[in-house]
Amino acid sequence: MSEDDRLIYSIALEAVLSAARSLHIDINELCETAIESLIVVPSGVSPAVALAINAIEKAAEVLDYDDPDAE
């Protein structure tokens, strides 16, 4: 995957999480549930899954930082 592709997916993930927040969905709960769904994969946590989990966590952190109402 190219650096441009990574940037595009990162922006897309942040946009989806931002949209979820605007719909009053608990972003922390959403991210935790998504991460849990990745961890239960029978083959275990592959390097790609670990990177995906990291990307979810980073995207959620960015949104918390930008959210003036975040605790």
PDB file of N, CA and C in Angstrom:
ATOM      1  N   MET A   1       0.854  -1.164   0.000  1.00  0.00           N
ATOM      2  CA  MET A   1       0.000   0.000   0.000  1.00  0.00           C
ATOM      3  C   MET A   1       0.906   1.235   0.000  1.00  0.00           C
ATOM      4  N   SER A   2       0.557   2.171  -0.834  1.00  0.00           N
ATOM      5  CA  SER A   2       1.365   3.379  -0.946  1.00  0.00           C
ATOM      6  C   SER A   2       1.096   4.325   0.228  1.00  0.00           C
ATOM      7  N   GLU A   3       1.985   5.276   0.374  1.00  0.00           N
ATOM      8  CA  GLU A   3       1.823   6.289   1.429  1.00  0.00           C
ATOM      9  C   GLU A   3       0.538   7.091   1.201  1.00  0.00           C
ATOM     10  N   ASP A   4       0.210   7.359  -0.068  1.00  0.00           N
ATOM     11  CA  ASP A   4      -1.045   8.062  -0.384  1.00  0.00           C
ATOM     12  C   ASP A   4      -2.254   7.246   0.063  1.00  0.00           C
ATOM     13  N   ASP A   5      -2.209   5.928  -0.182  1.00  0.00           N
ATOM     14  CA  ASP A   5      -3.314   5.066   0.232  1.00  0.00           C
ATOM     15  C   ASP A   5      -3.478   5.091   1.750  1.00  0.00           C
ATOM     16  N   ARG A   6      -2.368   5.032   2.469  1.00  0.00           N
ATOM     17  CA  ARG A   6      -2.429   5.074   3.938  1.00  0.00           C
ATOM     18  C   ARG A   6      -3.067   6.373   4.417  1.00  0.00           C
ATOM     19  N   LEU A   7      -2.684   7.470   3.794  1.00  0.00           N
ATOM     20  CA  LEU A   7      -3.249   8.770   4.162  1.00  0.00           C
ATOM     21  C   LEU A   7      -4.748   8.801   3.884  1.00  0.00           C
ATOM     22  N   ILE A   8      -5.141   8.278   2.750  1.00  0.00           N
ATOM     23  CA  ILE A   8      -6.560   8.255   2.380  1.00  0.00           C
ATOM     24  C   ILE A   8      -7.362   7.439   3.383  1.00  0.00           C
ATOM     25  N   TYR A   9      -6.861   6.253   3.744  1.00  0.00           N
ATOM     26  CA  TYR A   9      -7.575   5.414   4.707  1.00  0.00           C
ATOM     27  C   TYR A   9      -7.621   6.057   6.089  1.00  0.00           C
ATOM     28  N   SER A  10      -6.560   6.729   6.462  1.00  0.00           N
ATOM     29  CA  SER A  10      -6.535   7.423   7.749  1.00  0.00           C
ATOM     30  C   SER A  10      -7.582   8.532   7.783  1.00  0.00           C
ATOM     31  N   ILE A  11      -7.639   9.310   6.736  1.00  0.00           N
ATOM     32  CA  ILE A  11      -8.630  10.390   6.652  1.00  0.00           C
ATOM     33  C   ILE A  11     -10.039   9.818   6.656  1.00  0.00           C
ATOM     34  N   ALA A  12     -10.238   8.728   5.936  1.00  0.00           N
ATOM     35  CA  ALA A  12     -11.560   8.101   5.874  1.00  0.00           C
ATOM     36  C   ALA A  12     -11.987   7.586   7.247  1.00  0.00           C
ATOM     37  N   LEU A  13     -11.063   6.939   7.957  1.00  0.00           N
ATOM     38  CA  LEU A  13     -11.385   6.429   9.291  1.00  0.00           C
ATOM     39  C   LEU A  13     -11.743   7.562  10.238  1.00  0.00           C
ATOM     40  N   GLU A  14     -10.966   8.634  10.212  1.00  0.00           N
ATOM     41  CA  GLU A  14     -11.271   9.777  11.071  1.00  0.00           C
ATOM     42  C   GLU A  14     -12.626  10.390  10.712  1.00  0.00           C
ATOM     43  N   ALA A  15     -12.954  10.440   9.428  1.00  0.00           N
ATOM     44  CA  ALA A  15     -14.251  10.993   9.005  1.00  0.00           C
ATOM     45  C   ALA A  15     -15.408  10.122   9.490  1.00  0.00           C
ATOM     46  N   VAL A  16     -15.241   8.802   9.398  1.00  0.00           N
ATOM     47  CA  VAL A  16     -16.292   7.892   9.864  1.00  0.00           C
ATOM     48  C   VAL A  16     -16.490   8.032  11.370  1.00  0.00           C
ATOM     49  N   LEU A  17     -15.394   8.096  12.122  1.00  0.00           N
ATOM     50  CA  LEU A  17     -15.519   8.259  13.568  1.00  0.00           C
ATOM     51  C   LEU A  17     -16.114   9.612  13.923  1.00  0.00           C
ATOM     52  N   SER A  18     -15.759  10.639  13.188  1.00  0.00           N
ATOM     53  CA  SER A  18     -16.327  11.961  13.429  1.00  0.00           C
ATOM     54  C   SER A  18     -17.828  11.964  13.143  1.00  0.00           C
ATOM     55  N   ALA A  19     -18.219  11.303  12.064  1.00  0.00           N
ATOM     56  CA  ALA A  19     -19.640  11.211  11.741  1.00  0.00           C
ATOM     57  C   ALA A  19     -20.396  10.435  12.817  1.00  0.00           C
ATOM     58  N   ALA A  20     -19.790   9.374  13.315  1.00  0.00           N
ATOM     59  CA  ALA A  20     -20.417   8.600  14.388  1.00  0.00           C
ATOM     60  C   ALA A  20     -20.605   9.469  15.625  1.00  0.00           C
ATOM     61  N   ARG A  21     -19.589  10.266  15.946  1.00  0.00           N
ATOM     62  CA  ARG A  21     -19.695  11.159  17.105  1.00  0.00           C
ATOM     63  C   ARG A  21     -20.826  12.159  16.898  1.00  0.00           C
ATOM     64  N   SER A  22     -20.957  12.696  15.681  1.00  0.00           N
ATOM     65  CA  SER A  22     -22.025  13.670  15.426  1.00  0.00           C
ATOM     66  C   SER A  22     -23.412  13.028  15.521  1.00  0.00           C
ATOM     67  N   LEU A  23     -23.464  11.698  15.379  1.00  0.00           N
ATOM     68  CA  LEU A  23     -24.715  10.959  15.549  1.00  0.00           C
ATOM     69  C   LEU A  23     -24.898  10.498  16.999  1.00  0.00           C
ATOM     70  N   HIS A  24     -24.042  11.035  17.887  1.00  0.00           N
ATOM     71  CA  HIS A  24     -24.109  10.759  19.331  1.00  0.00           C
ATOM     72  C   HIS A  24     -23.800   9.302  19.673  1.00  0.00           C
ATOM     73  N   ILE A  25     -22.926   8.707  18.890  1.00  0.00           N
ATOM     74  CA  ILE A  25     -22.443   7.356  19.183  1.00  0.00           C
ATOM     75  C   ILE A  25     -21.210   7.496  20.053  1.00  0.00           C
ATOM     76  N   ASP A  26     -21.112   6.695  21.079  1.00  0.00           N
ATOM     77  CA  ASP A  26     -19.962   6.721  21.984  1.00  0.00           C
ATOM     78  C   ASP A  26     -18.745   6.195  21.212  1.00  0.00           C
ATOM     79  N   ILE A  27     -17.823   7.088  20.882  1.00  0.00           N
ATOM     80  CA  ILE A  27     -16.658   6.735  20.061  1.00  0.00           C
ATOM     81  C   ILE A  27     -15.772   5.729  20.770  1.00  0.00           C
ATOM     82  N   ASN A  28     -15.572   5.898  22.073  1.00  0.00           N
ATOM     83  CA  ASN A  28     -14.737   4.940  22.803  1.00  0.00           C
ATOM     84  C   ASN A  28     -15.336   3.546  22.759  1.00  0.00           C
ATOM     85  N   GLU A  29     -16.641   3.450  22.956  1.00  0.00           N
ATOM     86  CA  GLU A  29     -17.312   2.152  22.913  1.00  0.00           C
ATOM     87  C   GLU A  29     -17.250   1.564  21.504  1.00  0.00           C
ATOM     88  N   LEU A  30     -17.456   2.406  20.502  1.00  0.00           N
ATOM     89  CA  LEU A  30     -17.379   1.957  19.111  1.00  0.00           C
ATOM     90  C   LEU A  30     -16.001   1.393  18.793  1.00  0.00           C
ATOM     91  N   CYS A  31     -14.955   2.125  19.190  1.00  0.00           N
ATOM     92  CA  CYS A  31     -13.581   1.678  18.923  1.00  0.00           C
ATOM     93  C   CYS A  31     -13.252   0.404  19.686  1.00  0.00           C
ATOM     94  N   GLU A  32     -13.659   0.326  20.949  1.00  0.00           N
ATOM     95  CA  GLU A  32     -13.406  -0.884  21.739  1.00  0.00           C
ATOM     96  C   GLU A  32     -14.080  -2.095  21.108  1.00  0.00           C
ATOM     97  N   THR A  33     -15.319  -1.922  20.643  1.00  0.00           N
ATOM     98  CA  THR A  33     -16.051  -3.020  20.016  1.00  0.00           C
ATOM     99  C   THR A  33     -15.383  -3.439  18.712  1.00  0.00           C
ATOM    100  N   ALA A  34     -14.925  -2.462  17.933  1.00  0.00           N
ATOM    101  CA  ALA A  34     -14.239  -2.775  16.682  1.00  0.00           C
ATOM    102  C   ALA A  34     -12.944  -3.534  16.950  1.00  0.00           C
ATOM    103  N   ILE A  35     -12.191  -3.086  17.945  1.00  0.00           N
ATOM    104  CA  ILE A  35     -10.933  -3.755  18.297  1.00  0.00           C
ATOM    105  C   ILE A  35     -11.201  -5.172  18.785  1.00  0.00           C
ATOM    106  N   GLU A  36     -12.208  -5.339  19.629  1.00  0.00           N
ATOM    107  CA  GLU A  36     -12.564  -6.679  20.111  1.00  0.00           C
ATOM    108  C   GLU A  36     -12.926  -7.597  18.961  1.00  0.00           C
ATOM    109  N   SER A  37     -13.614  -7.063  17.952  1.00  0.00           N
ATOM    110  CA  SER A  37     -13.992  -7.902  16.808  1.00  0.00           C
ATOM    111  C   SER A  37     -12.765  -8.334  16.004  1.00  0.00           C
ATOM    112  N   LEU A  38     -11.717  -7.523  16.028  1.00  0.00           N
ATOM    113  CA  LEU A  38     -10.481  -7.900  15.332  1.00  0.00           C
ATOM    114  C   LEU A  38      -9.680  -8.927  16.117  1.00  0.00           C
ATOM    115  N   ILE A  39      -9.745  -8.861  17.429  1.00  0.00           N
ATOM    116  CA  ILE A  39      -8.950  -9.754  18.274  1.00  0.00           C
ATOM    117  C   ILE A  39      -9.501 -11.177  18.282  1.00  0.00           C
ATOM    118  N   VAL A  40     -10.791 -11.351  18.071  1.00  0.00           N
ATOM    119  CA  VAL A  40     -11.391 -12.690  18.134  1.00  0.00           C
ATOM    120  C   VAL A  40     -11.161 -13.515  16.871  1.00  0.00           C
ATOM    121  N   VAL A  41     -10.400 -12.978  15.942  1.00  0.00           N
ATOM    122  CA  VAL A  41     -10.094 -13.728  14.716  1.00  0.00           C
ATOM    123  C   VAL A  41      -9.356 -15.003  15.118  1.00  0.00           C
ATOM    124  N   PRO A  42      -9.820 -16.172  14.643  1.00  0.00           N
ATOM    125  CA  PRO A  42      -9.225 -17.440  15.075  1.00  0.00           C
ATOM    126  C   PRO A  42      -7.715 -17.553  14.850  1.00  0.00           C
ATOM    127  N   SER A  43      -7.192 -16.913  13.839  1.00  0.00           N
ATOM    128  CA  SER A  43      -5.768 -17.042  13.536  1.00  0.00           C
ATOM    129  C   SER A  43      -4.894 -16.219  14.473  1.00  0.00           C
ATOM    130  N   GLY A  44      -5.501 -15.489  15.379  1.00  0.00           N
ATOM    131  CA  GLY A  44      -4.729 -14.668  16.300  1.00  0.00           C
ATOM    132  C   GLY A  44      -4.515 -13.280  15.747  1.00  0.00           C
ATOM    133  N   VAL A  45      -3.731 -12.525  16.454  1.00  0.00           N
ATOM    134  CA  VAL A  45      -3.497 -11.138  16.077  1.00  0.00           C
ATOM    135  C   VAL A  45      -2.272 -11.074  15.162  1.00  0.00           C
ATOM    136  N   SER A  46      -2.523 -10.905  13.891  1.00  0.00           N
ATOM    137  CA  SER A  46      -1.441 -10.797  12.914  1.00  0.00           C
ATOM    138  C   SER A  46      -0.872  -9.384  12.955  1.00  0.00           C
ATOM    139  N   PRO A  47       0.283  -9.179  12.347  1.00  0.00           N
ATOM    140  CA  PRO A  47       0.835  -7.817  12.291  1.00  0.00           C
ATOM    141  C   PRO A  47      -0.133  -6.820  11.650  1.00  0.00           C
ATOM    142  N   ALA A  48      -0.873  -7.237  10.634  1.00  0.00           N
ATOM    143  CA  ALA A  48      -1.824  -6.334   9.978  1.00  0.00           C
ATOM    144  C   ALA A  48      -2.954  -5.959  10.927  1.00  0.00           C
ATOM    145  N   VAL A  49      -3.426  -6.918  11.711  1.00  0.00           N
ATOM    146  CA  VAL A  49      -4.493  -6.642  12.679  1.00  0.00           C
ATOM    147  C   VAL A  49      -3.973  -5.700  13.759  1.00  0.00           C
ATOM    148  N   ALA A  50      -2.759  -5.930  14.207  1.00  0.00           N
ATOM    149  CA  ALA A  50      -2.166  -5.044  15.216  1.00  0.00           C
ATOM    150  C   ALA A  50      -2.060  -3.619  14.674  1.00  0.00           C
ATOM    151  N   LEU A  51      -1.685  -3.469  13.418  1.00  0.00           N
ATOM    152  CA  LEU A  51      -1.620  -2.137  12.800  1.00  0.00           C
ATOM    153  C   LEU A  51      -3.004  -1.515  12.686  1.00  0.00           C
ATOM    154  N   ALA A  52      -4.008  -2.327  12.371  1.00  0.00           N
ATOM    155  CA  ALA A  52      -5.380  -1.828  12.269  1.00  0.00           C
ATOM    156  C   ALA A  52      -5.867  -1.336  13.623  1.00  0.00           C
ATOM    157  N   ILE A  53      -5.567  -2.088  14.667  1.00  0.00           N
ATOM    158  CA  ILE A  53      -5.946  -1.683  16.024  1.00  0.00           C
ATOM    159  C   ILE A  53      -5.276  -0.361  16.375  1.00  0.00           C
ATOM    160  N   ASN A  54      -4.008  -0.250  16.051  1.00  0.00           N
ATOM    161  CA  ASN A  54      -3.270   0.985  16.307  1.00  0.00           C
ATOM    162  C   ASN A  54      -3.888   2.157  15.561  1.00  0.00           C
ATOM    163  N   ALA A  55      -4.307   1.926  14.320  1.00  0.00           N
ATOM    164  CA  ALA A  55      -4.921   2.992  13.526  1.00  0.00           C
ATOM    165  C   ALA A  55      -6.243   3.446  14.132  1.00  0.00           C
ATOM    166  N   ILE A  56      -7.034   2.497  14.622  1.00  0.00           N
ATOM    167  CA  ILE A  56      -8.305   2.843  15.268  1.00  0.00           C
ATOM    168  C   ILE A  56      -8.043   3.687  16.506  1.00  0.00           C
ATOM    169  N   GLU A  57      -7.085   3.262  17.318  1.00  0.00           N
ATOM    170  CA  GLU A  57      -6.775   3.994  18.544  1.00  0.00           C
ATOM    171  C   GLU A  57      -6.265   5.407  18.242  1.00  0.00           C
ATOM    172  N   LYS A  58      -5.406   5.538  17.241  1.00  0.00           N
ATOM    173  CA  LYS A  58      -4.874   6.858  16.884  1.00  0.00           C
ATOM    174  C   LYS A  58      -5.971   7.768  16.344  1.00  0.00           C
ATOM    175  N   ALA A  59      -6.857   7.227  15.511  1.00  0.00           N
ATOM    176  CA  ALA A  59      -7.952   8.035  14.966  1.00  0.00           C
ATOM    177  C   ALA A  59      -8.859   8.527  16.089  1.00  0.00           C
ATOM    178  N   ALA A  60      -9.137   7.667  17.061  1.00  0.00           N
ATOM    179  CA  ALA A  60      -9.974   8.070  18.191  1.00  0.00           C
ATOM    180  C   ALA A  60      -9.279   9.142  19.016  1.00  0.00           C
ATOM    181  N   GLU A  61      -7.959   9.027  19.193  1.00  0.00           N
ATOM    182  CA  GLU A  61      -7.206  10.040  19.934  1.00  0.00           C
ATOM    183  C   GLU A  61      -7.274  11.395  19.235  1.00  0.00           C
ATOM    184  N   VAL A  62      -7.158  11.400  17.927  1.00  0.00           N
ATOM    185  CA  VAL A  62      -7.237  12.650  17.165  1.00  0.00           C
ATOM    186  C   VAL A  62      -8.592  13.312  17.389  1.00  0.00           C
ATOM    187  N   LEU A  63      -9.635  12.531  17.368  1.00  0.00           N
ATOM    188  CA  LEU A  63     -10.968  13.097  17.559  1.00  0.00           C
ATOM    189  C   LEU A  63     -11.158  13.627  18.972  1.00  0.00           C
ATOM    190  N   ASP A  64     -10.628  12.931  19.967  1.00  0.00           N
ATOM    191  CA  ASP A  64     -10.727  13.427  21.340  1.00  0.00           C
ATOM    192  C   ASP A  64      -9.990  14.743  21.491  1.00  0.00           C
ATOM    193  N   TYR A  65      -8.843  14.860  20.840  1.00  0.00           N
ATOM    194  CA  TYR A  65      -8.046  16.078  20.919  1.00  0.00           C
ATOM    195  C   TYR A  65      -8.778  17.255  20.293  1.00  0.00           C
ATOM    196  N   ASP A  66      -9.455  17.008  19.165  1.00  0.00           N
ATOM    197  CA  ASP A  66     -10.137  18.069  18.444  1.00  0.00           C
ATOM    198  C   ASP A  66     -11.499  18.405  19.032  1.00  0.00           C
ATOM    199  N   ASP A  67     -12.019  17.570  19.918  1.00  0.00           N
ATOM    200  CA  ASP A  67     -13.364  17.751  20.466  1.00  0.00           C
ATOM    201  C   ASP A  67     -13.290  18.612  21.719  1.00  0.00           C
ATOM    202  N   PRO A  68     -13.810  19.844  21.672  1.00  0.00           N
ATOM    203  CA  PRO A  68     -13.760  20.695  22.858  1.00  0.00           C
ATOM    204  C   PRO A  68     -14.594  20.162  24.021  1.00  0.00           C
ATOM    205  N   ASP A  69     -15.554  19.274  23.737  1.00  0.00           N
ATOM    206  CA  ASP A  69     -16.386  18.705  24.790  1.00  0.00           C
ATOM    207  C   ASP A  69     -15.814  17.419  25.349  1.00  0.00           C
ATOM    208  N   ALA A  70     -14.723  16.908  24.788  1.00  0.00           N
ATOM    209  CA  ALA A  70     -14.136  15.655  25.268  1.00  0.00           C
ATOM    210  C   ALA A  70     -13.577  15.856  26.668  1.00  0.00           C
ATOM    211  N   GLU A  71     -13.702  14.806  27.462  1.00  0.00           N
ATOM    212  CA  GLU A  71     -13.211  14.873  28.849  1.00  0.00           C
ATOM    213  C   GLU A  71     -11.777  14.469  28.930  1.00  0.00           C
TER     214      GLU A  71
END
